[in-house]
Structure formats: structure tokens, C-alpha cells
C-alpha atoms as a PDB file:
ATOM      1  CA  MET A   1     -21.737   1.268 -13.333  1.00  0.00           C
ATOM      2  CA  ILE A   2     -18.687  -0.618 -14.557  1.00  0.00           C
ATOM      3  CA  PHE A   3     -18.271  -2.886 -11.542  1.00  0.00           C
ATOM      4  CA  ASN A   4     -21.776  -4.219 -11.148  1.00  0.00           C
ATOM      5  CA  ARG A   5     -20.644  -7.710 -10.170  1.00  0.00           C
ATOM      6  CA  PRO A   6     -18.074  -8.952  -7.663  1.00  0.00           C
ATOM      7  CA  LEU A   7     -16.443 -10.962 -10.462  1.00  0.00           C
ATOM      8  CA  ASP A   8     -15.497  -7.727 -12.214  1.00  0.00           C
ATOM      9  CA  VAL A   9     -13.657  -6.497  -9.139  1.00  0.00           C
ATOM     10  CA  LEU A  10     -11.865  -9.839  -8.723  1.00  0.00           C
ATOM     11  CA  ILE A  11     -10.771  -9.890 -12.355  1.00  0.00           C
ATOM     12  CA  ILE A  12      -9.382  -6.332 -12.199  1.00  0.00           C
ATOM     13  CA  PHE A  13      -7.641  -7.101  -8.890  1.00  0.00           C
ATOM     14  CA  ALA A  14      -6.075 -10.289 -10.272  1.00  0.00           C
ATOM     15  CA  PHE A  15      -4.889  -8.524 -13.441  1.00  0.00           C
ATOM     16  CA  THR A  16      -3.430  -5.700 -11.353  1.00  0.00           C
ATOM     17  CA  LEU A  17      -1.477  -8.166  -9.224  1.00  0.00           C
ATOM     18  CA  LEU A  18      -0.227 -10.021 -12.310  1.00  0.00           C
ATOM     19  CA  PHE A  19       1.043  -6.777 -13.801  1.00  0.00           C
ATOM     20  CA  LEU A  20       2.616  -5.818 -10.473  1.00  0.00           C
ATOM     21  CA  PHE A  21       4.396  -9.175 -10.273  1.00  0.00           C
ATOM     22  CA  ASP A  22       5.498  -8.893 -13.910  1.00  0.00           C
ATOM     23  CA  TYR A  23       6.954  -5.400 -13.528  1.00  0.00           C
ATOM     24  CA  PHE A  24       8.374  -5.931 -10.013  1.00  0.00           C
ATOM     25  CA  PRO A  25       9.187  -9.664  -9.689  1.00  0.00           C
ATOM     26  CA  ASN A  26      11.328  -9.191  -6.567  1.00  0.00           C
ATOM     27  CA  ILE A  27       8.772  -7.607  -4.251  1.00  0.00           C
ATOM     28  CA  PRO A  28       7.913  -9.668  -1.140  1.00  0.00           C
ATOM     29  CA  LEU A  29       4.219  -9.885  -2.118  1.00  0.00           C
ATOM     30  CA  VAL A  30       5.153 -12.298  -4.913  1.00  0.00           C
ATOM     31  CA  ASP A  31       5.899 -14.998  -2.332  1.00  0.00           C
ATOM     32  CA  LEU A  32       2.482 -14.578  -0.676  1.00  0.00           C
ATOM     33  CA  ILE A  33       0.331 -14.998  -3.780  1.00  0.00           C
ATOM     34  CA  PRO A  34       1.696 -17.341  -6.460  1.00  0.00           C
ATOM     35  CA  LYS A  35       1.326 -16.248 -10.100  1.00  0.00           C
ATOM     36  CA  ASN A  36      -0.171 -19.605 -11.001  1.00  0.00           C
ATOM     37  CA  PHE A  37      -2.954 -18.976  -8.496  1.00  0.00           C
ATOM     38  CA  LEU A  38      -3.755 -15.606 -10.091  1.00  0.00           C
ATOM     39  CA  ILE A  39      -3.749 -17.084 -13.581  1.00  0.00           C
ATOM     40  CA  ALA A  40      -6.012 -19.923 -12.436  1.00  0.00           C
ATOM     41  CA  LEU A  41      -8.271 -17.355 -10.738  1.00  0.00           C
ATOM     42  CA  ILE A  42      -8.616 -15.307 -13.928  1.00  0.00           C
ATOM     43  CA  VAL A  43      -9.267 -18.386 -16.078  1.00  0.00           C
ATOM     44  CA  GLY A  44     -11.706 -19.750 -13.506  1.00  0.00           C
ATOM     45  CA  LEU A  45     -13.619 -16.473 -13.304  1.00  0.00           C
ATOM     46  CA  TYR A  46     -13.774 -16.289 -17.089  1.00  0.00           C
ATOM     47  CA  VAL A  47     -15.123 -19.836 -17.375  1.00  0.00           C
ATOM     48  CA  PHE A  48     -17.565 -19.157 -14.531  1.00  0.00           C
ATOM     49  CA  SER A  49     -18.838 -16.047 -16.308  1.00  0.00           C
ATOM     50  CA  LEU A  50     -19.383 -18.043 -19.508  1.00  0.00           C
ATOM     51  CA  LEU A  51     -21.240 -20.857 -17.792  1.00  0.00           C
ATOM     52  CA  PHE A  52     -23.736 -18.870 -15.771  1.00  0.00           C
ATOM     53  CA  LYS A  53     -26.452 -17.005 -17.622  1.00  0.00           C
ATOM     54  CA  LYS A  54     -26.955 -14.299 -15.021  1.00  0.00           C
ATOM     55  CA  TYR A  55     -23.401 -13.044 -15.515  1.00  0.00           C
ATOM     56  CA  ARG A  56     -23.711 -13.044 -19.303  1.00  0.00           C
ATOM     57  CA  ASP A  57     -26.921 -11.025 -19.147  1.00  0.00           C
ATOM     58  CA  ILE A  58     -25.206  -7.690 -19.729  1.00  0.00           C
ATOM     59  CA  ASP A  59     -26.408  -5.029 -22.136  1.00  0.00           C
ATOM     60  CA  ASP A  60     -24.268  -3.699 -24.973  1.00  0.00           C
ATOM     61  CA  LYS A  61     -23.473  -0.483 -23.095  1.00  0.00           C
ATOM     62  CA  GLY A  62     -22.173  -2.494 -20.153  1.00  0.00           C
ATOM     63  CA  ILE A  63     -19.933  -4.522 -22.432  1.00  0.00           C
ATOM     64  CA  LEU A  64     -18.569  -1.364 -24.057  1.00  0.00           C
ATOM     65  CA  LYS A  65     -17.919   0.280 -20.684  1.00  0.00           C
ATOM     66  CA  TRP A  66     -16.081  -2.856 -19.513  1.00  0.00           C
ATOM     67  CA  GLN A  67     -13.952  -2.942 -22.683  1.00  0.00           C
ATOM     68  CA  ILE A  68     -13.013   0.717 -22.349  1.00  0.00           C
ATOM     69  CA  TYR A  69     -12.271   0.470 -18.645  1.00  0.00           C
ATOM     70  CA  SER A  70     -10.222  -2.722 -18.836  1.00  0.00           C
ATOM     71  CA  THR A  71      -8.147  -1.435 -21.764  1.00  0.00           C
ATOM     72  CA  ALA A  72      -7.527   1.886 -20.024  1.00  0.00           C
ATOM     73  CA  HIS A  73      -6.663   0.075 -16.778  1.00  0.00           C
ATOM     74  CA  VAL A  74      -4.027  -2.086 -18.472  1.00  0.00           C
ATOM     75  CA  LEU A  75      -2.474   0.935 -20.207  1.00  0.00           C
ATOM     76  CA  PHE A  76      -2.548   2.904 -16.945  1.00  0.00           C
ATOM     77  CA  LEU A  77      -0.812   0.073 -15.063  1.00  0.00           C
ATOM     78  CA  MET A  78       1.842  -0.231 -17.758  1.00  0.00           C
ATOM     79  CA  GLY A  79       2.511   3.507 -17.621  1.00  0.00           C
ATOM     80  CA  LEU A  80       2.468   3.700 -13.826  1.00  0.00           C
ATOM     81  CA  PHE A  81       4.747   0.711 -13.288  1.00  0.00           C
ATOM     82  CA  THR A  82       7.153   1.953 -15.961  1.00  0.00           C
ATOM     83  CA  VAL A  83       7.319   5.406 -14.340  1.00  0.00           C
ATOM     84  CA  LEU A  84       7.913   3.731 -10.947  1.00  0.00           C
ATOM     85  CA  GLY A  85      10.980   2.010 -12.409  1.00  0.00           C
ATOM     86  CA  GLY A  86       9.539  -1.376 -13.219  1.00  0.00           C
ATOM     87  CA  GLU A  87      10.289  -3.352 -16.338  1.00  0.00           C
ATOM     88  CA  SER A  88       8.103  -6.118 -17.673  1.00  0.00           C
ATOM     89  CA  SER A  89       9.799  -9.483 -17.394  1.00  0.00           C
ATOM     90  CA  SER A  90       7.431 -10.904 -20.021  1.00  0.00           C
ATOM     91  CA  GLY A  91       8.006  -8.136 -22.569  1.00  0.00           C
ATOM     92  CA  ILE A  92       4.699  -6.312 -22.160  1.00  0.00           C
ATOM     93  CA  SER A  93       5.754  -2.748 -22.826  1.00  0.00           C
ATOM     94  CA  PHE A  94       4.912   0.267 -24.955  1.00  0.00           C
ATOM     95  CA  GLU A  95       7.818  -0.605 -27.263  1.00  0.00           C
ATOM     96  CA  ASN A  96       6.270  -3.990 -28.098  1.00  0.00           C
ATOM     97  CA  GLY A  97       4.696  -3.908 -31.570  1.00  0.00           C
ATOM     98  CA  PHE A  98       2.373  -6.799 -30.737  1.00  0.00           C
ATOM     99  CA  LEU A  99       0.828  -4.685 -27.940  1.00  0.00           C
ATOM    100  CA  TRP A 100      -0.066  -1.965 -30.442  1.00  0.00           C
ATOM    101  CA  ILE A 101      -1.609  -4.490 -32.838  1.00  0.00           C
ATOM    102  CA  VAL A 102      -3.751  -5.947 -30.039  1.00  0.00           C
ATOM    103  CA  LEU A 103      -4.661  -2.436 -28.885  1.00  0.00           C
ATOM    104  CA  LEU A 104      -5.662  -1.499 -32.440  1.00  0.00           C
ATOM    105  CA  PHE A 105      -7.940  -4.559 -32.693  1.00  0.00           C
ATOM    106  CA  SER A 106      -9.399  -3.683 -29.303  1.00  0.00           C
ATOM    107  CA  VAL A 107     -10.149  -0.117 -30.397  1.00  0.00           C
ATOM    108  CA  PHE A 108     -11.801  -1.402 -33.595  1.00  0.00           C
ATOM    109  CA  GLU A 109     -13.961  -3.728 -31.482  1.00  0.00           C
ATOM    110  CA  MET A 110     -14.950  -0.872 -29.165  1.00  0.00           C
ATOM    111  CA  VAL A 111     -15.854   1.390 -32.113  1.00  0.00           C
ATOM    112  CA  SER A 112     -17.902  -1.440 -33.622  1.00  0.00           C
ATOM    113  CA  GLN A 113     -19.689  -1.979 -30.299  1.00  0.00           C
ATOM    114  CA  TRP A 114     -20.365   1.764 -29.985  1.00  0.00           C
ATOM    115  CA  ARG A 115     -21.845   1.871 -33.511  1.00  0.00           C
ATOM    116  CA  LYS A 116     -24.037  -1.110 -32.694  1.00  0.00           C
ATOM    117  CA  ILE A 117     -25.368   0.711 -29.629  1.00  0.00           C
ATOM    118  CA  LYS A 118     -26.048   3.873 -31.617  1.00  0.00           C
ATOM    119  CA  ARG A 119     -27.879   1.920 -34.347  1.00  0.00           C
ATOM    120  CA  SER A 120     -30.066   0.152 -31.797  1.00  0.00           C
ATOM    121  CA  GLU A 121     -30.831   3.443 -30.031  1.00  0.00           C
ATOM    122  CA  ARG A 122     -31.862   5.042 -33.329  1.00  0.00           C
ATOM    123  CA  SER A 123     -34.100   2.098 -34.222  1.00  0.00           C
ATOM    124  CA  VAL A 124     -35.810   2.308 -30.821  1.00  0.00           C
ATOM    125  CA  HIS A 125     -36.468   6.048 -31.199  1.00  0.00           C
ATOM    126  CA  ASN A 126     -37.857   5.732 -34.756  1.00  0.00           C
END
């Protein structure tokens, strides 16, 4: 399961709200939840996950699933919010070359992780 910890759900929720606020900065929800709070929440959850061993105790397959899901979620949000008429105020869009470079590095990392899993599975079976 991808969301095996409440922190995962909070991180995805916070990222979704940040993208929503970026693509639609004039919606009333922006006044209820400040962007700085969401950024602090994401950073805090990240630091929390690094500090506590039980959260870091995730197998390689779990890490790969999280990488695939989070990348797909970001791309889905970008596509959905663009189709709904939103435009990123920070420049995060499909026309941004930097996005494609980061996405390419992310895909390389996921392929590397997948190969690592396959190698370890083969060594266990032999």
C-alpha cells in the first residue's frame, strides 16, 4: 500500500493544496490556510520522517511505489488544474524546461530503484 503512514497522506494533501493555491491564487480557500503554513508543514513532516527511525524503515518497493505515485500525482494535478483554466503563478507548467529536466532525473532514479529491487529479488531466489 502506498499510504501506509498518516504522514504520507498529510504530505500529499499539503502538496495538493499548494498546487491548488499556485494555479488558482484567488480562490477563497487561500485565505483560510496560509501558504507559509503548508510549506512549514511539508518541511516539518520531511524533517520528522528523517529523524524517526520507524518512518524511515521502508523497504525498497515501498520507496519506489512512493516515488511513482508522488510523481504521477504532481503531473496529474498540473494537467487537471491547467484543463480547469488555472495557470501556475510560480511558473510550474508543462512548458517549463526545468520541469522536464527534474522529471527526467526522477525517472532515472525510479528505474535505478526498480533495477535494485530486481537484483535483490534475483539474489534471494538464487
